[in-house]
PDB file of N, CA and C in Angstrom:
ATOM      1  N   UNK A   1     149.979 108.614 132.426  1.00  0.00           N
ATOM      2  CA  UNK A   1     150.695 107.367 132.217  1.00  0.00           C
ATOM      3  C   UNK A   1     149.734 106.326 131.665  1.00  0.00           C
ATOM      4  N   UNK A   2     150.074 105.720 130.561  1.00  0.00           N
ATOM      5  CA  UNK A   2     149.191 104.713 129.981  1.00  0.00           C
ATOM      6  C   UNK A   2     149.688 103.317 130.340  1.00  0.00           C
ATOM      7  N   UNK A   3     148.731 102.429 130.398  1.00  0.00           N
ATOM      8  CA  UNK A   3     149.054 101.034 130.685  1.00  0.00           C
ATOM      9  C   UNK A   3     149.214 100.325 129.355  1.00  0.00           C
ATOM     10  N   UNK A   4     150.347  99.711 129.149  1.00  0.00           N
ATOM     11  CA  UNK A   4     150.545  99.019 127.881  1.00  0.00           C
ATOM     12  C   UNK A   4     149.838  97.671 127.922  1.00  0.00           C
ATOM     13  N   UNK A   5     149.245  97.338 126.802  1.00  0.00           N
ATOM     14  CA  UNK A   5     148.548  96.072 126.700  1.00  0.00           C
ATOM     15  C   UNK A   5     149.485  95.054 126.066  1.00  0.00           C
ATOM     16  N   UNK A   6     149.373  93.795 126.478  1.00  0.00           N
ATOM     17  CA  UNK A   6     150.222  92.781 125.876  1.00  0.00           C
ATOM     18  C   UNK A   6     149.879  92.631 124.395  1.00  0.00           C
ATOM     19  N   UNK A   7     150.859  92.291 123.610  1.00  0.00           N
ATOM     20  CA  UNK A   7     150.654  92.092 122.184  1.00  0.00           C
ATOM     21  C   UNK A   7     150.197  90.654 121.971  1.00  0.00           C
ATOM     22  N   UNK A   8     149.074  90.518 121.296  1.00  0.00           N
ATOM     23  CA  UNK A   8     148.561  89.187 120.962  1.00  0.00           C
ATOM     24  C   UNK A   8     149.246  88.713 119.699  1.00  0.00           C
ATOM     25  N   UNK A   9     149.596  87.437 119.682  1.00  0.00           N
ATOM     26  CA  UNK A   9     150.240  86.846 118.509  1.00  0.00           C
ATOM     27  C   UNK A   9     149.798  85.405 118.371  1.00  0.00           C
ATOM     28  N   UNK A  10     149.782  84.941 117.141  1.00  0.00           N
ATOM     29  CA  UNK A  10     149.590  83.515 116.913  1.00  0.00           C
ATOM     30  C   UNK A  10     150.802  82.795 117.487  1.00  0.00           C
ATOM     31  N   UNK A  11     150.579  81.639 118.033  1.00  0.00           N
ATOM     32  CA  UNK A  11     151.711  80.873 118.558  1.00  0.00           C
ATOM     33  C   UNK A  11     152.630  80.477 117.399  1.00  0.00           C
ATOM     34  N   UNK A  12     153.873  80.179 117.728  1.00  0.00           N
ATOM     35  CA  UNK A  12     154.817  79.750 116.700  1.00  0.00           C
ATOM     36  C   UNK A  12     154.323  78.487 116.017  1.00  0.00           C
ATOM     37  N   UNK A  13     153.724  77.600 116.775  1.00  0.00           N
ATOM     38  CA  UNK A  13     153.204  76.348 116.220  1.00  0.00           C
ATOM     39  C   UNK A  13     152.074  76.625 115.230  1.00  0.00           C
ATOM     40  N   UNK A  14     151.159  77.543 115.596  1.00  0.00           N
ATOM     41  CA  UNK A  14     150.053  77.885 114.699  1.00  0.00           C
ATOM     42  C   UNK A  14     150.578  78.559 113.438  1.00  0.00           C
ATOM     43  N   UNK A  15     151.528  79.460 113.584  1.00  0.00           N
ATOM     44  CA  UNK A  15     152.105  80.128 112.416  1.00  0.00           C
ATOM     45  C   UNK A  15     152.768  79.124 111.485  1.00  0.00           C
ATOM     46  N   UNK A  16     153.541  78.217 112.052  1.00  0.00           N
ATOM     47  CA  UNK A  16     154.222  77.212 111.238  1.00  0.00           C
ATOM     48  C   UNK A  16     153.212  76.338 110.505  1.00  0.00           C
ATOM     49  N   UNK A  17     152.141  75.951 111.198  1.00  0.00           N
ATOM     50  CA  UNK A  17     151.122  75.110 110.572  1.00  0.00           C
ATOM     51  C   UNK A  17     150.479  75.823 109.389  1.00  0.00           C
ATOM     52  N   UNK A  18     150.200  77.109 109.546  1.00  0.00           N
ATOM     53  CA  UNK A  18     149.558  77.852 108.468  1.00  0.00           C
ATOM     54  C   UNK A  18     150.496  78.134 107.303  1.00  0.00           C
ATOM     55  N   UNK A  19     151.718  78.545 107.596  1.00  0.00           N
ATOM     56  CA  UNK A  19     152.657  78.899 106.530  1.00  0.00           C
ATOM     57  C   UNK A  19     153.208  77.685 105.797  1.00  0.00           C
ATOM     58  N   UNK A  20     153.370  76.560 106.507  1.00  0.00           N
ATOM     59  CA  UNK A  20     154.035  75.399 105.916  1.00  0.00           C
ATOM     60  C   UNK A  20     153.086  74.281 105.511  1.00  0.00           C
ATOM     61  N   UNK A  21     151.795  74.522 105.575  1.00  0.00           N
ATOM     62  CA  UNK A  21     150.814  73.472 105.304  1.00  0.00           C
ATOM     63  C   UNK A  21     150.935  72.929 103.887  1.00  0.00           C
ATOM     64  N   UNK A  22     150.812  71.617 103.789  1.00  0.00           N
ATOM     65  CA  UNK A  22     150.796  70.960 102.484  1.00  0.00           C
ATOM     66  C   UNK A  22     149.428  71.127 101.830  1.00  0.00           C
ATOM     67  N   UNK A  23     148.386  71.178 102.650  1.00  0.00           N
ATOM     68  CA  UNK A  23     147.049  71.468 102.150  1.00  0.00           C
ATOM     69  C   UNK A  23     146.393  72.480 103.084  1.00  0.00           C
ATOM     70  N   UNK A  24     145.480  73.272 102.534  1.00  0.00           N
ATOM     71  CA  UNK A  24     144.924  74.405 103.262  1.00  0.00           C
ATOM     72  C   UNK A  24     143.486  74.597 102.790  1.00  0.00           C
ATOM     73  N   UNK A  25     142.533  74.545 103.722  1.00  0.00           N
ATOM     74  CA  UNK A  25     141.123  74.723 103.387  1.00  0.00           C
ATOM     75  C   UNK A  25     140.508  75.792 104.277  1.00  0.00           C
ATOM     76  N   UNK A  26     139.610  76.580 103.698  1.00  0.00           N
ATOM     77  CA  UNK A  26     138.796  77.511 104.472  1.00  0.00           C
ATOM     78  C   UNK A  26     137.408  76.887 104.546  1.00  0.00           C
ATOM     79  N   UNK A  27     136.880  76.796 105.759  1.00  0.00           N
ATOM     80  CA  UNK A  27     135.600  76.139 105.997  1.00  0.00           C
ATOM     81  C   UNK A  27     134.525  77.143 106.369  1.00  0.00           C
ATOM     82  N   UNK A  28     133.319  76.904 105.898  1.00  0.00           N
ATOM     83  CA  UNK A  28     132.152  77.669 106.313  1.00  0.00           C
ATOM     84  C   UNK A  28     131.423  76.809 107.334  1.00  0.00           C
ATOM     85  N   UNK A  29     131.245  77.348 108.546  1.00  0.00           N
ATOM     86  CA  UNK A  29     130.654  76.575 109.646  1.00  0.00           C
ATOM     87  C   UNK A  29     129.256  77.071 109.976  1.00  0.00           C
ATOM     88  N   UNK A  30     128.404  76.148 110.453  1.00  0.00           N
ATOM     89  CA  UNK A  30     127.073  76.509 110.908  1.00  0.00           C
ATOM     90  C   UNK A  30     127.199  77.100 112.311  1.00  0.00           C
ATOM     91  N   UNK A  31     126.905  78.402 112.470  1.00  0.00           N
ATOM     92  CA  UNK A  31     127.102  79.068 113.773  1.00  0.00           C
ATOM     93  C   UNK A  31     125.944  78.803 114.733  1.00  0.00           C
ATOM     94  N   UNK A  32     125.997  77.660 115.394  1.00  0.00           N
ATOM     95  CA  UNK A  32     124.946  77.319 116.348  1.00  0.00           C
ATOM     96  C   UNK A  32     125.517  77.321 117.758  1.00  0.00           C
ATOM     97  N   UNK A  33     124.666  77.664 118.725  1.00  0.00           N
ATOM     98  CA  UNK A  33     125.126  77.827 120.106  1.00  0.00           C
ATOM     99  C   UNK A  33     125.572  76.521 120.741  1.00  0.00           C
ATOM    100  N   UNK A  34     124.906  75.435 120.446  1.00  0.00           N
ATOM    101  CA  UNK A  34     125.231  74.160 121.087  1.00  0.00           C
ATOM    102  C   UNK A  34     125.390  73.092 120.014  1.00  0.00           C
ATOM    103  N   UNK A  35     126.590  72.975 119.427  1.00  0.00           N
ATOM    104  CA  UNK A  35     126.761  72.033 118.322  1.00  0.00           C
ATOM    105  C   UNK A  35     126.648  70.587 118.783  1.00  0.00           C
ATOM    106  N   UNK A  36     126.098  69.737 117.923  1.00  0.00           N
ATOM    107  CA  UNK A  36     126.044  68.311 118.258  1.00  0.00           C
ATOM    108  C   UNK A  36     127.450  67.733 118.237  1.00  0.00           C
ATOM    109  N   UNK A  37     127.617  66.578 118.820  1.00  0.00           N
ATOM    110  CA  UNK A  37     128.919  65.926 118.824  1.00  0.00           C
ATOM    111  C   UNK A  37     129.294  65.407 117.453  1.00  0.00           C
ATOM    112  N   UNK A  38     130.571  65.224 117.231  1.00  0.00           N
ATOM    113  CA  UNK A  38     131.043  64.682 115.961  1.00  0.00           C
ATOM    114  C   UNK A  38     130.441  63.308 115.748  1.00  0.00           C
ATOM    115  N   UNK A  39     130.015  63.038 114.533  1.00  0.00           N
ATOM    116  CA  UNK A  39     129.449  61.736 114.214  1.00  0.00           C
ATOM    117  C   UNK A  39     128.005  61.563 114.640  1.00  0.00           C
ATOM    118  N   UNK A  40     127.351  62.626 115.069  1.00  0.00           N
ATOM    119  CA  UNK A  40     125.946  62.562 115.466  1.00  0.00           C
ATOM    120  C   UNK A  40     125.135  62.098 114.253  1.00  0.00           C
ATOM    121  N   UNK A  41     124.411  60.962 114.381  1.00  0.00           N
ATOM    122  CA  UNK A  41     123.682  60.425 113.229  1.00  0.00           C
ATOM    123  C   UNK A  41     122.543  61.323 112.757  1.00  0.00           C
ATOM    124  N   UNK A  42     122.099  62.271 113.583  1.00  0.00           N
ATOM    125  CA  UNK A  42     121.015  63.164 113.173  1.00  0.00           C
ATOM    126  C   UNK A  42     121.531  64.325 112.330  1.00  0.00           C
ATOM    127  N   UNK A  43     122.823  64.466 112.232  1.00  0.00           N
ATOM    128  CA  UNK A  43     123.421  65.562 111.478  1.00  0.00           C
ATOM    129  C   UNK A  43     124.096  65.005 110.224  1.00  0.00           C
ATOM    130  N   UNK A  44     123.541  65.291 109.045  1.00  0.00           N
ATOM    131  CA  UNK A  44     124.110  64.724 107.817  1.00  0.00           C
ATOM    132  C   UNK A  44     125.286  65.526 107.246  1.00  0.00           C
ATOM    133  N   UNK A  45     125.984  66.262 108.095  1.00  0.00           N
ATOM    134  CA  UNK A  45     127.101  67.081 107.633  1.00  0.00           C
ATOM    135  C   UNK A  45     128.386  66.687 108.346  1.00  0.00           C
ATOM    136  N   UNK A  46     129.533  66.842 107.682  1.00  0.00           N
ATOM    137  CA  UNK A  46     130.803  66.638 108.394  1.00  0.00           C
ATOM    138  C   UNK A  46     130.967  67.735 109.445  1.00  0.00           C
ATOM    139  N   UNK A  47     131.829  67.499 110.409  1.00  0.00           N
ATOM    140  CA  UNK A  47     132.022  68.490 111.467  1.00  0.00           C
ATOM    141  C   UNK A  47     133.488  68.914 111.559  1.00  0.00           C
ATOM    142  N   UNK A  48     133.687  70.073 112.173  1.00  0.00           N
ATOM    143  CA  UNK A  48     135.013  70.631 112.443  1.00  0.00           C
ATOM    144  C   UNK A  48     134.966  71.099 113.882  1.00  0.00           C
ATOM    145  N   UNK A  49     135.619  70.381 114.752  1.00  0.00           N
ATOM    146  CA  UNK A  49     135.573  70.674 116.184  1.00  0.00           C
ATOM    147  C   UNK A  49     134.128  70.803 116.663  1.00  0.00           C
ATOM    148  N   UNK A  50     133.303  69.878 116.276  1.00  0.00           N
ATOM    149  CA  UNK A  50     131.886  69.741 116.627  1.00  0.00           C
ATOM    150  C   UNK A  50     130.958  70.638 115.817  1.00  0.00           C
ATOM    151  N   UNK A  51     131.455  71.682 115.151  1.00  0.00           N
ATOM    152  CA  UNK A  51     130.558  72.552 114.390  1.00  0.00           C
ATOM    153  C   UNK A  51     130.335  71.969 113.006  1.00  0.00           C
ATOM    154  N   UNK A  52     129.068  71.921 112.551  1.00  0.00           N
ATOM    155  CA  UNK A  52     128.767  71.400 111.216  1.00  0.00           C
ATOM    156  C   UNK A  52     129.420  72.248 110.127  1.00  0.00           C
ATOM    157  N   UNK A  53     129.999  71.564 109.144  1.00  0.00           N
ATOM    158  CA  UNK A  53     130.654  72.233 108.025  1.00  0.00           C
ATOM    159  C   UNK A  53     129.652  72.362 106.884  1.00  0.00           C
ATOM    160  N   UNK A  54     129.366  73.603 106.496  1.00  0.00           N
ATOM    161  CA  UNK A  54     128.427  73.871 105.409  1.00  0.00           C
ATOM    162  C   UNK A  54     129.112  73.782 104.048  1.00  0.00           C
ATOM    163  N   UNK A  55     130.400  74.088 104.025  1.00  0.00           N
ATOM    164  CA  UNK A  55     131.149  74.042 102.779  1.00  0.00           C
ATOM    165  C   UNK A  55     132.624  74.228 103.042  1.00  0.00           C
ATOM    166  N   UNK A  56     133.437  73.877 102.055  1.00  0.00           N
ATOM    167  CA  UNK A  56     134.888  74.006 102.195  1.00  0.00           C
ATOM    168  C   UNK A  56     135.484  74.376 100.843  1.00  0.00           C
ATOM    169  N   UNK A  57     136.533  75.201 100.885  1.00  0.00           N
ATOM    170  CA  UNK A  57     137.235  75.592  99.667  1.00  0.00           C
ATOM    171  C   UNK A  57     138.724  75.351  99.885  1.00  0.00           C
ATOM    172  N   UNK A  58     139.309  74.564  98.992  1.00  0.00           N
ATOM    173  CA  UNK A  58     140.753  74.355  99.046  1.00  0.00           C
ATOM    174  C   UNK A  58     141.436  75.610  98.505  1.00  0.00           C
ATOM    175  N   UNK A  59     142.429  76.086  99.238  1.00  0.00           N
ATOM    176  CA  UNK A  59     143.188  77.264  98.810  1.00  0.00           C
ATOM    177  C   UNK A  59     144.483  76.744  98.202  1.00  0.00           C
ATOM    178  N   UNK A  60     144.605  76.901  96.898  1.00  0.00           N
ATOM    179  CA  UNK A  60     145.789  76.388  96.212  1.00  0.00           C
ATOM    180  C   UNK A  60     146.741  77.499  95.802  1.00  0.00           C
ATOM    181  N   UNK A  61     146.247  78.708  95.707  1.00  0.00           N
ATOM    182  CA  UNK A  61     147.090  79.846  95.330  1.00  0.00           C
ATOM    183  C   UNK A  61     147.932  80.280  96.520  1.00  0.00           C
ATOM    184  N   UNK A  62     149.230  80.363  96.316  1.00  0.00           N
ATOM    185  CA  UNK A  62     150.117  80.828  97.378  1.00  0.00           C
ATOM    186  C   UNK A  62     149.801  82.253  97.797  1.00  0.00           C
ATOM    187  N   UNK A  63     149.417  83.076  96.835  1.00  0.00           N
ATOM    188  CA  UNK A  63     149.080  84.474  97.142  1.00  0.00           C
ATOM    189  C   UNK A  63     147.834  84.537  98.021  1.00  0.00           C
ATOM    190  N   UNK A  64     146.815  83.758  97.676  1.00  0.00           N
ATOM    191  CA  UNK A  64     145.582  83.745  98.483  1.00  0.00           C
ATOM    192  C   UNK A  64     145.863  83.244  99.889  1.00  0.00           C
ATOM    193  N   UNK A  65     146.655  82.190  99.997  1.00  0.00           N
ATOM    194  CA  UNK A  65     146.996  81.663 101.322  1.00  0.00           C
ATOM    195  C   UNK A  65     147.735  82.718 102.144  1.00  0.00           C
ATOM    196  N   UNK A  66     148.696  83.390 101.531  1.00  0.00           N
ATOM    197  CA  UNK A  66     149.435  84.441 102.230  1.00  0.00           C
ATOM    198  C   UNK A  66     148.495  85.530 102.744  1.00  0.00           C
ATOM    199  N   UNK A  67     147.533  85.926 101.900  1.00  0.00           N
ATOM    200  CA  UNK A  67     146.580  86.964 102.303  1.00  0.00           C
ATOM    201  C   UNK A  67     145.721  86.494 103.482  1.00  0.00           C
ATOM    202  N   UNK A  68     145.281  85.241 103.457  1.00  0.00           N
ATOM    203  CA  UNK A  68     144.450  84.703 104.542  1.00  0.00           C
ATOM    204  C   UNK A  68     145.246  84.623 105.836  1.00  0.00           C
ATOM    205  N   UNK A  69     146.450  84.061 105.777  1.00  0.00           N
ATOM    206  CA  UNK A  69     147.277  83.911 106.986  1.00  0.00           C
ATOM    207  C   UNK A  69     147.633  85.283 107.553  1.00  0.00           C
ATOM    208  N   UNK A  70     147.966  86.230 106.687  1.00  0.00           N
ATOM    209  CA  UNK A  70     148.284  87.576 107.145  1.00  0.00           C
ATOM    210  C   UNK A  70     147.076  88.219 107.812  1.00  0.00           C
ATOM    211  N   UNK A  71     145.887  88.047 107.243  1.00  0.00           N
ATOM    212  CA  UNK A  71     144.669  88.612 107.829  1.00  0.00           C
ATOM    213  C   UNK A  71     144.353  87.994 109.186  1.00  0.00           C
ATOM    214  N   UNK A  72     144.529  86.679 109.317  1.00  0.00           N
ATOM    215  CA  UNK A  72     144.292  86.018 110.608  1.00  0.00           C
ATOM    216  C   UNK A  72     145.273  86.537 111.652  1.00  0.00           C
ATOM    217  N   UNK A  73     146.544  86.599 111.303  1.00  0.00           N
ATOM    218  CA  UNK A  73     147.557  87.082 112.250  1.00  0.00           C
ATOM    219  C   UNK A  73     147.278  88.526 112.662  1.00  0.00           C
ATOM    220  N   UNK A  74     146.887  89.365 111.706  1.00  0.00           N
ATOM    221  CA  UNK A  74     146.572  90.760 112.013  1.00  0.00           C
ATOM    222  C   UNK A  74     145.344  90.856 112.916  1.00  0.00           C
ATOM    223  N   UNK A  75     144.334  90.024 112.654  1.00  0.00           N
ATOM    224  CA  UNK A  75     143.146  90.014 113.502  1.00  0.00           C
ATOM    225  C   UNK A  75     143.467  89.639 114.936  1.00  0.00           C
ATOM    226  N   UNK A  76     144.355  88.674 115.103  1.00  0.00           N
ATOM    227  CA  UNK A  76     144.766  88.272 116.454  1.00  0.00           C
ATOM    228  C   UNK A  76     145.498  89.422 117.136  1.00  0.00           C
ATOM    229  N   UNK A  77     146.419  90.063 116.421  1.00  0.00           N
ATOM    230  CA  UNK A  77     147.194  91.169 116.999  1.00  0.00           C
ATOM    231  C   UNK A  77     146.318  92.358 117.355  1.00  0.00           C
ATOM    232  N   UNK A  78     145.291  92.616 116.554  1.00  0.00           N
ATOM    233  CA  UNK A  78     144.432  93.778 116.792  1.00  0.00           C
ATOM    234  C   UNK A  78     143.417  93.549 117.910  1.00  0.00           C
ATOM    235  N   UNK A  79     143.193  92.307 118.307  1.00  0.00           N
ATOM    236  CA  UNK A  79     142.232  92.034 119.380  1.00  0.00           C
ATOM    237  C   UNK A  79     142.766  92.594 120.685  1.00  0.00           C
ATOM    238  N   UNK A  80     141.946  93.334 121.367  1.00  0.00           N
ATOM    239  CA  UNK A  80     142.335  93.959 122.634  1.00  0.00           C
ATOM    240  C   UNK A  80     141.701  93.262 123.830  1.00  0.00           C
ATOM    241  N   UNK A  81     141.441  91.984 123.673  1.00  0.00           N
ATOM    242  CA  UNK A  81     140.932  91.212 124.799  1.00  0.00           C
ATOM    243  C   UNK A  81     139.418  91.173 124.908  1.00  0.00           C
ATOM    244  N   UNK A  82     138.736  91.708 123.917  1.00  0.00           N
ATOM    245  CA  UNK A  82     137.277  91.668 123.954  1.00  0.00           C
ATOM    246  C   UNK A  82     136.809  90.257 123.629  1.00  0.00           C
ATOM    247  N   UNK A  83     135.948  89.733 124.483  1.00  0.00           N
ATOM    248  CA  UNK A  83     135.445  88.382 124.300  1.00  0.00           C
ATOM    249  C   UNK A  83     133.933  88.412 124.461  1.00  0.00           C
ATOM    250  N   UNK A  84     133.234  87.765 123.549  1.00  0.00           N
ATOM    251  CA  UNK A  84     131.778  87.688 123.633  1.00  0.00           C
ATOM    252  C   UNK A  84     131.379  86.605 124.629  1.00  0.00           C
ATOM    253  N   UNK A  85     130.120  86.635 125.036  1.00  0.00           N
ATOM    254  CA  UNK A  85     129.619  85.628 125.966  1.00  0.00           C
ATOM    255  C   UNK A  85     129.416  84.275 125.301  1.00  0.00           C
ATOM    256  N   UNK A  86     129.534  84.237 124.015  1.00  0.00           N
ATOM    257  CA  UNK A  86     129.356  82.965 123.316  1.00  0.00           C
ATOM    258  C   UNK A  86     130.402  82.847 122.221  1.00  0.00           C
ATOM    259  N   UNK A  87     130.571  81.652 121.751  1.00  0.00           N
ATOM    260  CA  UNK A  87     131.510  81.414 120.662  1.00  0.00           C
ATOM    261  C   UNK A  87     130.797  80.563 119.635  1.00  0.00           C
ATOM    262  N   UNK A  88     130.327  81.193 118.575  1.00  0.00           N
ATOM    263  CA  UNK A  88     129.655  80.515 117.481  1.00  0.00           C
ATOM    264  C   UNK A  88     130.443  80.815 116.203  1.00  0.00           C
ATOM    265  N   UNK A  89     131.497  80.048 115.940  1.00  0.00           N
ATOM    266  CA  UNK A  89     132.355  80.364 114.799  1.00  0.00           C
ATOM    267  C   UNK A  89     131.613  80.227 113.476  1.00  0.00           C
ATOM    268  N   UNK A  90     131.977  81.037 112.537  1.00  0.00           N
ATOM    269  CA  UNK A  90     131.394  80.985 111.202  1.00  0.00           C
ATOM    270  C   UNK A  90     132.380  80.458 110.164  1.00  0.00           C
ATOM    271  N   UNK A  91     133.656  80.491 110.501  1.00  0.00           N
ATOM    272  CA  UNK A  91     134.692  80.010 109.583  1.00  0.00           C
ATOM    273  C   UNK A  91     135.780  79.282 110.355  1.00  0.00           C
ATOM    274  N   UNK A  92     136.463  78.411 109.681  1.00  0.00           N
ATOM    275  CA  UNK A  92     137.599  77.710 110.260  1.00  0.00           C
ATOM    276  C   UNK A  92     138.641  77.504 109.174  1.00  0.00           C
ATOM    277  N   UNK A  93     139.848  77.176 109.588  1.00  0.00           N
ATOM    278  CA  UNK A  93     140.916  76.853 108.645  1.00  0.00           C
ATOM    279  C   UNK A  93     141.437  75.475 109.013  1.00  0.00           C
ATOM    280  N   UNK A  94     141.485  74.611 108.024  1.00  0.00           N
ATOM    281  CA  UNK A  94     142.077  73.286 108.232  1.00  0.00           C
ATOM    282  C   UNK A  94     143.375  73.277 107.435  1.00  0.00           C
ATOM    283  N   UNK A  95     144.496  73.130 108.140  1.00  0.00           N
ATOM    284  CA  UNK A  95     145.805  73.116 107.500  1.00  0.00           C
ATOM    285  C   UNK A  95     146.514  71.825 107.878  1.00  0.00           C
ATOM    286  N   UNK A  96     147.027  71.119 106.882  1.00  0.00           N
ATOM    287  CA  UNK A  96     147.761  69.883 107.127  1.00  0.00           C
ATOM    288  C   UNK A  96     149.219  70.124 106.763  1.00  0.00           C
ATOM    289  N   UNK A  97     150.098  69.948 107.758  1.00  0.00           N
ATOM    290  CA  UNK A  97     151.529  70.143 107.541  1.00  0.00           C
ATOM    291  C   UNK A  97     152.289  68.981 108.157  1.00  0.00           C
ATOM    292  N   UNK A  98     153.228  68.471 107.421  1.00  0.00           N
ATOM    293  CA  UNK A  98     154.080  67.389 107.931  1.00  0.00           C
ATOM    294  C   UNK A  98     153.246  66.232 108.461  1.00  0.00           C
ATOM    295  N   UNK A  99     152.162  65.915 107.758  1.00  0.00           N
ATOM    296  CA  UNK A  99     151.276  64.815 108.094  1.00  0.00           C
ATOM    297  C   UNK A  99     150.575  64.982 109.442  1.00  0.00           C
ATOM    298  N   UNK A 100     150.565  66.175 109.982  1.00  0.00           N
ATOM    299  CA  UNK A 100     149.872  66.454 111.244  1.00  0.00           C
ATOM    300  C   UNK A 100     148.758  67.443 110.942  1.00  0.00           C
ATOM    301  N   UNK A 101     147.543  67.137 111.391  1.00  0.00           N
ATOM    302  CA  UNK A 101     146.422  68.032 111.146  1.00  0.00           C
ATOM    303  C   UNK A 101     146.399  69.115 112.202  1.00  0.00           C
ATOM    304  N   UNK A 102     146.403  70.349 111.766  1.00  0.00           N
ATOM    305  CA  UNK A 102     146.309  71.495 112.660  1.00  0.00           C
ATOM    306  C   UNK A 102     144.987  72.180 112.363  1.00  0.00           C
ATOM    307  N   UNK A 103     144.151  72.287 113.343  1.00  0.00           N
ATOM    308  CA  UNK A 103     142.869  72.938 113.147  1.00  0.00           C
ATOM    309  C   UNK A 103     142.840  74.194 113.991  1.00  0.00           C
ATOM    310  N   UNK A 104     142.579  75.303 113.354  1.00  0.00           N
ATOM    311  CA  UNK A 104     142.573  76.579 114.053  1.00  0.00           C
ATOM    312  C   UNK A 104     141.203  77.201 113.861  1.00  0.00           C
ATOM    313  N   UNK A 105     140.513  77.406 114.947  1.00  0.00           N
ATOM    314  CA  UNK A 105     139.178  77.974 114.878  1.00  0.00           C
ATOM    315  C   UNK A 105     139.241  79.487 114.817  1.00  0.00           C
ATOM    316  N   UNK A 106     138.263  80.040 114.105  1.00  0.00           N
ATOM    317  CA  UNK A 106     138.169  81.495 114.039  1.00  0.00           C
ATOM    318  C   UNK A 106     138.085  82.021 115.463  1.00  0.00           C
ATOM    319  N   UNK A 107     138.852  83.045 115.737  1.00  0.00           N
ATOM    320  CA  UNK A 107     138.878  83.607 117.079  1.00  0.00           C
ATOM    321  C   UNK A 107     139.917  82.949 117.951  1.00  0.00           C
ATOM    322  N   UNK A 108     140.435  81.785 117.525  1.00  0.00           N
ATOM    323  CA  UNK A 108     141.472  81.072 118.253  1.00  0.00           C
ATOM    324  C   UNK A 108     141.106  80.857 119.716  1.00  0.00           C
ATOM    325  N   UNK A 109     139.861  80.509 119.974  1.00  0.00           N
ATOM    326  CA  UNK A 109     139.404  80.224 121.317  1.00  0.00           C
ATOM    327  C   UNK A 109     139.939  78.858 121.735  1.00  0.00           C
ATOM    328  N   UNK A 110     140.327  78.727 122.983  1.00  0.00           N
ATOM    329  CA  UNK A 110     140.789  77.443 123.471  1.00  0.00           C
ATOM    330  C   UNK A 110     139.627  76.577 123.937  1.00  0.00           C
ATOM    331  N   UNK A 111     138.518  77.214 124.279  1.00  0.00           N
ATOM    332  CA  UNK A 111     137.357  76.429 124.667  1.00  0.00           C
ATOM    333  C   UNK A 111     136.106  77.168 124.239  1.00  0.00           C
ATOM    334  N   UNK A 112     135.062  76.429 124.060  1.00  0.00           N
ATOM    335  CA  UNK A 112     133.805  77.023 123.630  1.00  0.00           C
ATOM    336  C   UNK A 112     133.084  77.595 124.837  1.00  0.00           C
ATOM    337  N   UNK A 113     132.539  78.797 124.664  1.00  0.00           N
ATOM    338  CA  UNK A 113     131.755  79.411 125.717  1.00  0.00           C
ATOM    339  C   UNK A 113     130.295  79.284 125.344  1.00  0.00           C
ATOM    340  N   UNK A 114     129.444  78.954 126.310  1.00  0.00           N
ATOM    341  CA  UNK A 114     128.015  78.813 126.042  1.00  0.00           C
ATOM    342  C   UNK A 114     127.324  80.147 125.889  1.00  0.00           C
ATOM    343  N   UNK A 115     126.198  80.125 125.234  1.00  0.00           N
ATOM    344  CA  UNK A 115     125.378  81.324 125.040  1.00  0.00           C
ATOM    345  C   UNK A 115     124.117  81.208 125.869  1.00  0.00           C
ATOM    346  N   UNK A 116     123.587  82.358 126.259  1.00  0.00           N
ATOM    347  CA  UNK A 116     122.310  82.365 126.951  1.00  0.00           C
ATOM    348  C   UNK A 116     121.181  82.271 125.944  1.00  0.00           C
TER     349      UNK A 116
END
């Protein structure tokens, strides 16, 4: 007898934000264990949920956006609950829909975990 695992899915709100966004950017983030706070004067880079942004690309092609959103959703579904001891994201997606900013971090972690 096998134990069935729950199916992971993006929330309806996250899916709507990604599919219906008026603007959509993929961000390259600096993967550091303890990011400085937003607006830290010692960091000359913009931040995304405290992580420094190294670069950003606006996704204007509907096909490219579809491929990215599909890949993120598939990655969430394929995760079997494995979690690392740290969360140092390397990419993020900034999607703006209906004048509301939705920020979804790679891995869709609700909180940052510290590293040793």
